[in-house]
Amino acid sequence: MTETEHAQESVWDYPRPPAVRAAPGRLVEVWFGERLVASTRQAVRVLETSHPPVYYLPAADVATELLTPAGAVSHCEWKGQARYWDLVVGARRAAQSAWSYPEPLPAYRELRGMLAFYPGRVDRCTVDGETVRAQEGGFYGGWITGGITGPFKGGPGTSAW
């Protein structure tokens, strides 16, 4: 069953602060430079009001040898300090295409050892074979599939949501 076949989820039903939920059995993959760089059935989703889900994948299911520290950090009031990663495959580099929370705040400890990818900065991200669309805006990393409805934060005029 694909996410499109699952019941529709409105991002306006997601909580704030965000919730971490397992994505049991769903095959989540990330592709860059014609290479499968991540594949897992152990992903978790972070669900936050007005945002498409962000999928976090266990580092053990990511080709971490393709990641180099980007030197950038940001701070989330709920999750803590994020560290960003460049993805390098051959001569191609996707700057700050992934992020992680090496020391997440206690309520988000499930994110330790996990990586999230911006679908708009890699060639393709899929959930159960469905190619996702990237959430608009340069900061957010939501994955939009057929089972997720908006409107979504990130586009023009949504910064005050």
N, C-alpha and C. Protein backbone atom coordinates (compact mmCIF):
# COMPACT_ATOMS: atom_id res chain seq x y z
N MET A 1 0.84 -1.18 0.00
CA MET A 1 0.00 0.00 0.00
C MET A 1 0.88 1.24 0.00
N THR A 2 0.68 2.15 -0.93
CA THR A 2 1.46 3.38 -0.98
C THR A 2 0.83 4.42 -0.08
N GLU A 3 1.59 5.49 0.20
CA GLU A 3 1.05 6.55 1.04
C GLU A 3 -0.18 7.16 0.40
N THR A 4 -0.22 7.20 -0.94
CA THR A 4 -1.38 7.73 -1.64
C THR A 4 -2.62 6.90 -1.31
N GLU A 5 -2.43 5.60 -1.09
CA GLU A 5 -3.55 4.74 -0.76
C GLU A 5 -3.92 4.81 0.72
N HIS A 6 -3.06 5.39 1.55
CA HIS A 6 -3.37 5.57 2.96
C HIS A 6 -4.42 6.69 3.06
N ALA A 7 -5.06 6.78 4.19
CA ALA A 7 -6.00 7.87 4.43
C ALA A 7 -5.28 9.20 4.27
N GLN A 8 -5.99 10.18 3.76
CA GLN A 8 -5.42 11.51 3.60
C GLN A 8 -5.08 12.09 4.97
N GLU A 9 -3.93 12.77 5.06
CA GLU A 9 -3.51 13.45 6.27
C GLU A 9 -3.42 14.93 5.97
N SER A 10 -4.07 15.74 6.78
CA SER A 10 -3.94 17.19 6.67
C SER A 10 -2.84 17.65 7.62
N VAL A 11 -1.94 18.49 7.12
CA VAL A 11 -0.88 19.00 7.98
C VAL A 11 -1.44 19.91 9.07
N TRP A 12 -2.69 20.31 8.93
CA TRP A 12 -3.33 21.14 9.95
C TRP A 12 -3.83 20.31 11.12
N ASP A 13 -3.77 18.99 10.99
CA ASP A 13 -4.10 18.09 12.11
C ASP A 13 -2.85 17.68 12.88
N TYR A 14 -1.67 18.04 12.38
CA TYR A 14 -0.42 17.70 13.06
C TYR A 14 -0.25 18.63 14.28
N PRO A 15 0.48 18.17 15.30
CA PRO A 15 0.62 18.96 16.53
C PRO A 15 1.71 20.02 16.46
N ARG A 16 1.67 20.90 17.43
CA ARG A 16 2.73 21.86 17.69
C ARG A 16 2.86 21.94 19.19
N PRO A 17 3.98 21.61 19.79
CA PRO A 17 5.25 21.25 19.17
C PRO A 17 5.14 19.95 18.35
N PRO A 18 6.13 19.75 17.48
CA PRO A 18 6.09 18.60 16.58
C PRO A 18 6.13 17.26 17.32
N ALA A 19 5.61 16.24 16.64
CA ALA A 19 5.62 14.87 17.16
C ALA A 19 6.52 14.01 16.29
N VAL A 20 7.17 13.04 16.91
CA VAL A 20 7.98 12.05 16.19
C VAL A 20 7.16 10.76 16.14
N ARG A 21 6.95 10.26 14.92
CA ARG A 21 6.15 9.04 14.75
C ARG A 21 6.89 8.08 13.83
N ALA A 22 6.88 6.81 14.18
CA ALA A 22 7.47 5.78 13.32
C ALA A 22 6.72 5.72 12.00
N ALA A 23 7.41 5.32 10.97
CA ALA A 23 6.81 5.10 9.64
C ALA A 23 6.96 3.62 9.33
N PRO A 24 6.28 2.76 10.10
CA PRO A 24 6.54 1.32 10.02
C PRO A 24 6.28 0.74 8.63
N GLY A 25 7.29 0.00 8.18
CA GLY A 25 7.15 -0.72 6.92
C GLY A 25 7.30 0.10 5.66
N ARG A 26 7.26 1.40 5.78
CA ARG A 26 7.39 2.22 4.58
C ARG A 26 8.83 2.21 4.10
N LEU A 27 9.00 2.03 2.78
CA LEU A 27 10.34 2.06 2.19
C LEU A 27 10.64 3.50 1.80
N VAL A 28 11.65 4.07 2.45
CA VAL A 28 12.05 5.46 2.22
C VAL A 28 13.43 5.44 1.59
N GLU A 29 13.55 6.13 0.43
CA GLU A 29 14.83 6.13 -0.30
C GLU A 29 15.20 7.53 -0.75
N VAL A 30 16.52 7.75 -0.86
CA VAL A 30 17.09 9.01 -1.33
C VAL A 30 18.10 8.67 -2.42
N TRP A 31 17.98 9.40 -3.54
CA TRP A 31 18.86 9.19 -4.71
C TRP A 31 19.57 10.49 -5.05
N PHE A 32 20.86 10.36 -5.42
CA PHE A 32 21.63 11.51 -5.88
C PHE A 32 22.72 11.00 -6.80
N GLY A 33 22.91 11.69 -7.93
CA GLY A 33 23.96 11.29 -8.87
C GLY A 33 23.78 9.87 -9.36
N GLU A 34 22.54 9.46 -9.59
CA GLU A 34 22.19 8.10 -10.03
C GLU A 34 22.61 7.04 -9.01
N ARG A 35 22.80 7.45 -7.79
CA ARG A 35 23.20 6.51 -6.73
C ARG A 35 22.15 6.51 -5.63
N LEU A 36 21.81 5.34 -5.17
CA LEU A 36 20.95 5.19 -4.01
C LEU A 36 21.81 5.48 -2.79
N VAL A 37 21.55 6.60 -2.11
CA VAL A 37 22.39 6.99 -0.98
C VAL A 37 21.75 6.64 0.37
N ALA A 38 20.46 6.32 0.36
CA ALA A 38 19.79 5.92 1.61
C ALA A 38 18.59 5.07 1.26
N SER A 39 18.39 4.03 2.06
CA SER A 39 17.23 3.16 1.89
C SER A 39 16.91 2.52 3.23
N THR A 40 15.67 2.68 3.69
CA THR A 40 15.31 2.13 4.99
C THR A 40 13.83 1.84 5.10
N ARG A 41 13.51 0.92 5.96
CA ARG A 41 12.14 0.70 6.41
C ARG A 41 12.03 1.05 7.90
N GLN A 42 13.01 1.78 8.41
CA GLN A 42 13.07 2.15 9.82
C GLN A 42 13.00 3.67 10.02
N ALA A 43 12.42 4.39 9.07
CA ALA A 43 12.34 5.84 9.16
C ALA A 43 11.34 6.26 10.24
N VAL A 44 11.53 7.49 10.70
CA VAL A 44 10.53 8.15 11.53
C VAL A 44 10.14 9.44 10.83
N ARG A 45 8.93 9.89 11.13
CA ARG A 45 8.46 11.16 10.58
C ARG A 45 8.31 12.17 11.71
N VAL A 46 8.72 13.41 11.43
CA VAL A 46 8.44 14.51 12.34
C VAL A 46 7.25 15.25 11.74
N LEU A 47 6.20 15.36 12.55
CA LEU A 47 4.94 15.96 12.11
C LEU A 47 4.72 17.25 12.89
N GLU A 48 4.56 18.36 12.15
CA GLU A 48 4.37 19.67 12.77
C GLU A 48 3.29 20.43 12.02
N THR A 49 2.42 21.09 12.76
CA THR A 49 1.34 21.87 12.17
C THR A 49 1.84 22.70 10.99
N SER A 50 1.15 22.60 9.88
CA SER A 50 1.35 23.36 8.64
C SER A 50 2.52 22.89 7.80
N HIS A 51 3.24 21.86 8.23
CA HIS A 51 4.40 21.35 7.51
C HIS A 51 4.17 19.93 7.00
N PRO A 52 4.58 19.63 5.77
CA PRO A 52 4.60 18.22 5.36
C PRO A 52 5.56 17.45 6.25
N PRO A 53 5.38 16.15 6.39
CA PRO A 53 6.29 15.37 7.23
C PRO A 53 7.74 15.48 6.77
N VAL A 54 8.64 15.44 7.73
CA VAL A 54 10.06 15.31 7.45
C VAL A 54 10.44 13.89 7.86
N TYR A 55 11.05 13.16 6.93
CA TYR A 55 11.49 11.79 7.20
C TYR A 55 12.93 11.80 7.69
N TYR A 56 13.17 11.11 8.80
CA TYR A 56 14.51 10.92 9.35
C TYR A 56 14.86 9.45 9.18
N LEU A 57 16.07 9.20 8.66
CA LEU A 57 16.53 7.85 8.36
C LEU A 57 17.69 7.48 9.26
N PRO A 58 17.75 6.25 9.75
CA PRO A 58 18.89 5.84 10.57
C PRO A 58 20.19 5.97 9.79
N ALA A 59 21.22 6.51 10.43
CA ALA A 59 22.52 6.67 9.77
C ALA A 59 23.04 5.34 9.24
N ALA A 60 22.69 4.24 9.90
CA ALA A 60 23.14 2.92 9.45
C ALA A 60 22.57 2.56 8.08
N ASP A 61 21.50 3.22 7.66
CA ASP A 61 20.88 2.95 6.36
C ASP A 61 21.20 4.02 5.33
N VAL A 62 22.19 4.86 5.62
CA VAL A 62 22.63 5.94 4.74
C VAL A 62 24.09 5.70 4.39
N ALA A 63 24.46 5.96 3.15
CA ALA A 63 25.87 5.87 2.74
C ALA A 63 26.59 7.11 3.29
N THR A 64 26.88 7.08 4.59
CA THR A 64 27.44 8.26 5.26
C THR A 64 28.82 8.65 4.75
N GLU A 65 29.49 7.72 4.07
CA GLU A 65 30.79 8.07 3.48
C GLU A 65 30.65 9.12 2.38
N LEU A 66 29.43 9.34 1.91
CA LEU A 66 29.16 10.35 0.89
C LEU A 66 28.84 11.72 1.49
N LEU A 67 28.76 11.80 2.81
CA LEU A 67 28.42 13.05 3.50
C LEU A 67 29.68 13.70 4.06
N THR A 68 29.75 15.03 3.89
CA THR A 68 30.84 15.79 4.49
C THR A 68 30.22 16.93 5.29
N PRO A 69 30.80 17.28 6.44
CA PRO A 69 30.23 18.37 7.23
C PRO A 69 30.16 19.66 6.42
N ALA A 70 29.03 20.33 6.48
CA ALA A 70 28.85 21.58 5.74
C ALA A 70 29.32 22.78 6.54
N GLY A 71 29.53 22.60 7.83
CA GLY A 71 29.99 23.71 8.66
C GLY A 71 28.87 24.64 9.11
N ALA A 72 27.64 24.32 8.77
CA ALA A 72 26.50 25.16 9.15
C ALA A 72 25.72 24.49 10.27
N VAL A 73 25.11 25.31 11.10
CA VAL A 73 24.24 24.83 12.16
C VAL A 73 23.01 25.72 12.22
N SER A 74 21.95 25.20 12.82
CA SER A 74 20.76 26.00 13.13
C SER A 74 20.22 25.50 14.44
N HIS A 75 19.28 26.23 15.00
CA HIS A 75 18.72 25.83 16.28
C HIS A 75 17.21 25.76 16.19
N CYS A 76 16.65 24.65 16.63
CA CYS A 76 15.21 24.46 16.73
C CYS A 76 14.85 24.54 18.22
N GLU A 77 13.85 25.32 18.53
CA GLU A 77 13.48 25.48 19.94
C GLU A 77 13.05 24.17 20.60
N TRP A 78 12.60 23.18 19.80
CA TRP A 78 12.15 21.91 20.35
C TRP A 78 13.20 20.80 20.22
N LYS A 79 13.86 20.75 19.07
CA LYS A 79 14.77 19.62 18.81
C LYS A 79 16.21 19.90 19.20
N GLY A 80 16.62 21.16 19.23
CA GLY A 80 17.98 21.50 19.60
C GLY A 80 18.80 21.97 18.41
N GLN A 81 20.11 21.78 18.47
CA GLN A 81 21.02 22.25 17.42
C GLN A 81 21.17 21.23 16.32
N ALA A 82 20.90 21.68 15.10
CA ALA A 82 21.05 20.83 13.91
C ALA A 82 22.42 21.09 13.28
N ARG A 83 22.97 20.04 12.73
CA ARG A 83 24.22 20.09 11.98
C ARG A 83 23.90 19.72 10.54
N TYR A 84 24.50 20.41 9.58
CA TYR A 84 24.20 20.20 8.16
C TYR A 84 25.33 19.47 7.46
N TRP A 85 24.94 18.76 6.40
CA TRP A 85 25.85 17.89 5.66
C TRP A 85 25.72 18.14 4.17
N ASP A 86 26.86 18.16 3.46
CA ASP A 86 26.88 18.16 2.00
C ASP A 86 26.90 16.70 1.55
N LEU A 87 26.26 16.44 0.44
CA LEU A 87 26.25 15.11 -0.16
C LEU A 87 27.12 15.18 -1.41
N VAL A 88 28.11 14.29 -1.50
CA VAL A 88 29.05 14.32 -2.63
C VAL A 88 29.06 12.94 -3.28
N VAL A 89 28.70 12.93 -4.57
CA VAL A 89 28.74 11.70 -5.37
C VAL A 89 29.51 12.04 -6.64
N GLY A 90 30.70 11.47 -6.78
CA GLY A 90 31.53 11.80 -7.93
C GLY A 90 31.87 13.28 -7.92
N ALA A 91 31.63 13.94 -9.05
CA ALA A 91 31.92 15.36 -9.17
C ALA A 91 30.75 16.24 -8.71
N ARG A 92 29.65 15.63 -8.32
CA ARG A 92 28.46 16.40 -7.91
C ARG A 92 28.42 16.59 -6.41
N ARG A 93 28.03 17.80 -6.01
CA ARG A 93 27.87 18.14 -4.59
C ARG A 93 26.52 18.79 -4.40
N ALA A 94 25.78 18.31 -3.42
CA ALA A 94 24.52 18.92 -3.02
C ALA A 94 24.77 19.58 -1.67
N ALA A 95 24.94 20.89 -1.70
CA ALA A 95 25.29 21.63 -0.49
C ALA A 95 24.15 21.58 0.53
N GLN A 96 24.51 21.36 1.77
CA GLN A 96 23.57 21.34 2.90
C GLN A 96 22.29 20.58 2.55
N SER A 97 22.46 19.40 1.99
CA SER A 97 21.30 18.61 1.56
C SER A 97 20.76 17.69 2.64
N ALA A 98 21.48 17.56 3.74
CA ALA A 98 21.03 16.71 4.85
C ALA A 98 21.33 17.42 6.16
N TRP A 99 20.62 17.00 7.20
CA TRP A 99 20.89 17.53 8.53
C TRP A 99 20.62 16.46 9.57
N SER A 100 21.18 16.70 10.75
CA SER A 100 21.00 15.77 11.86
C SER A 100 21.00 16.57 13.16
N TYR A 101 20.56 15.90 14.22
CA TYR A 101 20.60 16.45 15.57
C TYR A 101 21.49 15.53 16.40
N PRO A 102 22.81 15.81 16.45
CA PRO A 102 23.71 14.92 17.18
C PRO A 102 23.36 14.78 18.66
N GLU A 103 22.87 15.85 19.27
CA GLU A 103 22.47 15.85 20.68
C GLU A 103 21.09 16.48 20.80
N PRO A 104 20.06 15.79 20.34
CA PRO A 104 18.72 16.40 20.39
C PRO A 104 18.27 16.62 21.84
N LEU A 105 17.36 17.57 21.99
CA LEU A 105 16.77 17.79 23.32
C LEU A 105 16.01 16.53 23.74
N PRO A 106 15.84 16.32 25.05
CA PRO A 106 15.28 15.05 25.55
C PRO A 106 13.98 14.59 24.89
N ALA A 107 13.06 15.46 24.60
CA ALA A 107 11.78 15.05 24.01
C ALA A 107 11.93 14.51 22.59
N TYR A 108 13.10 14.74 21.96
CA TYR A 108 13.33 14.31 20.57
C TYR A 108 14.53 13.37 20.48
N ARG A 109 14.82 12.66 21.57
CA ARG A 109 15.98 11.76 21.60
C ARG A 109 15.94 10.70 20.50
N GLU A 110 14.74 10.38 19.98
CA GLU A 110 14.63 9.39 18.89
C GLU A 110 15.36 9.83 17.63
N LEU A 111 15.64 11.13 17.51
CA LEU A 111 16.32 11.64 16.31
C LEU A 111 17.84 11.46 16.36
N ARG A 112 18.38 11.09 17.52
CA ARG A 112 19.82 10.85 17.61
C ARG A 112 20.20 9.70 16.68
N GLY A 113 21.24 9.89 15.90
CA GLY A 113 21.68 8.84 14.97
C GLY A 113 20.86 8.77 13.70
N MET A 114 20.05 9.80 13.45
CA MET A 114 19.19 9.84 12.26
C MET A 114 19.60 11.04 11.39
N LEU A 115 19.30 10.92 10.10
CA LEU A 115 19.57 11.99 9.14
C LEU A 115 18.30 12.30 8.36
N ALA A 116 18.09 13.57 8.07
CA ALA A 116 16.99 14.00 7.22
C ALA A 116 17.58 14.63 5.96
N PHE A 117 16.88 14.49 4.85
CA PHE A 117 17.33 15.04 3.57
C PHE A 117 16.30 16.01 3.02
N TYR A 118 16.78 17.09 2.42
CA TYR A 118 15.92 18.02 1.69
C TYR A 118 15.60 17.39 0.34
N PRO A 119 14.34 17.08 0.06
CA PRO A 119 14.03 16.46 -1.24
C PRO A 119 14.35 17.36 -2.43
N GLY A 120 14.35 18.68 -2.23
CA GLY A 120 14.65 19.60 -3.32
C GLY A 120 16.13 19.77 -3.61
N ARG A 121 17.00 19.18 -2.80
CA ARG A 121 18.44 19.33 -2.98
C ARG A 121 19.11 18.05 -3.45
N VAL A 122 18.35 16.99 -3.58
CA VAL A 122 18.85 15.73 -4.11
C VAL A 122 18.06 15.42 -5.38
N ASP A 123 18.43 14.37 -6.08
CA ASP A 123 17.75 14.07 -7.34
C ASP A 123 16.35 13.51 -7.14
N ARG A 124 16.18 12.68 -6.10
CA ARG A 124 14.87 12.07 -5.90
C ARG A 124 14.79 11.48 -4.50
N CYS A 125 13.63 11.66 -3.87
CA CYS A 125 13.29 10.99 -2.63
C CYS A 125 11.98 10.26 -2.88
N THR A 126 11.86 9.06 -2.34
CA THR A 126 10.64 8.29 -2.54
C THR A 126 10.16 7.69 -1.22
N VAL A 127 8.84 7.50 -1.16
CA VAL A 127 8.20 6.78 -0.06
C VAL A 127 7.36 5.70 -0.71
N ASP A 128 7.72 4.45 -0.47
CA ASP A 128 7.04 3.31 -1.08
C ASP A 128 6.96 3.45 -2.61
N GLY A 129 8.04 3.96 -3.21
CA GLY A 129 8.12 4.10 -4.66
C GLY A 129 7.53 5.38 -5.21
N GLU A 130 6.82 6.14 -4.40
CA GLU A 130 6.23 7.40 -4.86
C GLU A 130 7.26 8.52 -4.72
N THR A 131 7.56 9.22 -5.80
CA THR A 131 8.48 10.36 -5.74
C THR A 131 7.80 11.51 -5.01
N VAL A 132 8.49 12.06 -4.03
CA VAL A 132 7.92 13.15 -3.24
C VAL A 132 8.21 14.49 -3.89
N ARG A 133 7.41 15.47 -3.53
CA ARG A 133 7.65 16.87 -3.90
C ARG A 133 8.23 17.57 -2.69
N ALA A 134 9.10 18.53 -2.94
CA ALA A 134 9.75 19.27 -1.85
C ALA A 134 8.83 20.37 -1.34
N GLN A 135 8.87 20.58 -0.05
CA GLN A 135 8.19 21.72 0.56
C GLN A 135 8.85 22.99 0.06
N GLU A 136 8.04 23.99 -0.24
CA GLU A 136 8.60 25.26 -0.71
C GLU A 136 9.41 25.94 0.39
N GLY A 137 10.26 26.85 -0.03
CA GLY A 137 11.08 27.61 0.91
C GLY A 137 12.44 26.96 1.08
N GLY A 138 13.44 27.73 1.33
CA GLY A 138 14.79 27.21 1.42
C GLY A 138 15.14 26.55 2.74
N PHE A 139 14.33 26.77 3.79
CA PHE A 139 14.69 26.26 5.10
C PHE A 139 14.02 24.95 5.45
N TYR A 140 12.77 24.78 5.03
CA TYR A 140 12.00 23.62 5.45
C TYR A 140 12.31 22.41 4.57
N GLY A 141 12.19 21.22 5.15
CA GLY A 141 12.57 20.01 4.44
C GLY A 141 11.45 18.98 4.34
N GLY A 142 10.20 19.44 4.26
CA GLY A 142 9.08 18.52 4.22
C GLY A 142 8.99 17.73 2.92
N TRP A 143 8.42 16.53 3.05
CA TRP A 143 8.23 15.61 1.94
C TRP A 143 6.73 15.55 1.62
N ILE A 144 6.34 15.99 0.46
CA ILE A 144 4.92 16.01 0.08
C ILE A 144 4.63 14.81 -0.82
N THR A 145 3.71 13.98 -0.37
CA THR A 145 3.24 12.84 -1.15
C THR A 145 1.74 13.01 -1.38
N GLY A 146 1.18 12.11 -2.17
CA GLY A 146 -0.24 12.19 -2.50
C GLY A 146 -1.15 12.06 -1.31
N GLY A 147 -0.68 11.50 -0.20
CA GLY A 147 -1.52 11.32 0.98
C GLY A 147 -1.51 12.50 1.94
N ILE A 148 -0.76 13.55 1.61
CA ILE A 148 -0.60 14.69 2.50
C ILE A 148 -1.28 15.91 1.87
N THR A 149 -2.13 16.59 2.65
CA THR A 149 -2.80 17.78 2.14
C THR A 149 -2.40 19.01 2.94
N GLY A 150 -2.44 20.16 2.29
CA GLY A 150 -2.07 21.44 2.89
C GLY A 150 -3.26 22.35 3.04
N PRO A 151 -3.02 23.64 2.96
CA PRO A 151 -1.82 24.32 2.47
C PRO A 151 -0.63 24.16 3.41
N PHE A 152 0.57 24.34 2.81
CA PHE A 152 1.81 24.11 3.51
C PHE A 152 2.56 25.41 3.77
N LYS A 153 3.17 25.51 4.94
CA LYS A 153 4.05 26.63 5.23
C LYS A 153 5.28 26.52 4.35
N GLY A 154 5.86 27.65 3.98
CA GLY A 154 7.11 27.66 3.23
C GLY A 154 7.04 28.50 1.97
N GLY A 155 5.87 28.60 1.36
CA GLY A 155 5.72 29.39 0.15
C GLY A 155 5.62 30.87 0.47
N PRO A 156 5.59 31.70 -0.57
CA PRO A 156 5.46 33.14 -0.36
C PRO A 156 4.23 33.48 0.48
N GLY A 157 4.42 34.39 1.44
CA GLY A 157 3.32 34.86 2.27
C GLY A 157 2.98 33.96 3.44
N THR A 158 3.76 32.90 3.69
CA THR A 158 3.42 31.97 4.77
C THR A 158 4.33 32.08 5.99
N SER A 159 5.26 33.02 5.99
CA SER A 159 6.24 33.06 7.06
C SER A 159 5.63 33.37 8.42
N ALA A 160 4.47 34.01 8.47
CA ALA A 160 3.84 34.34 9.74
C ALA A 160 2.91 33.24 10.27
N TRP A 161 2.77 32.16 9.53
CA TRP A 161 1.87 31.08 9.98
C TRP A 161 2.39 30.44 11.24
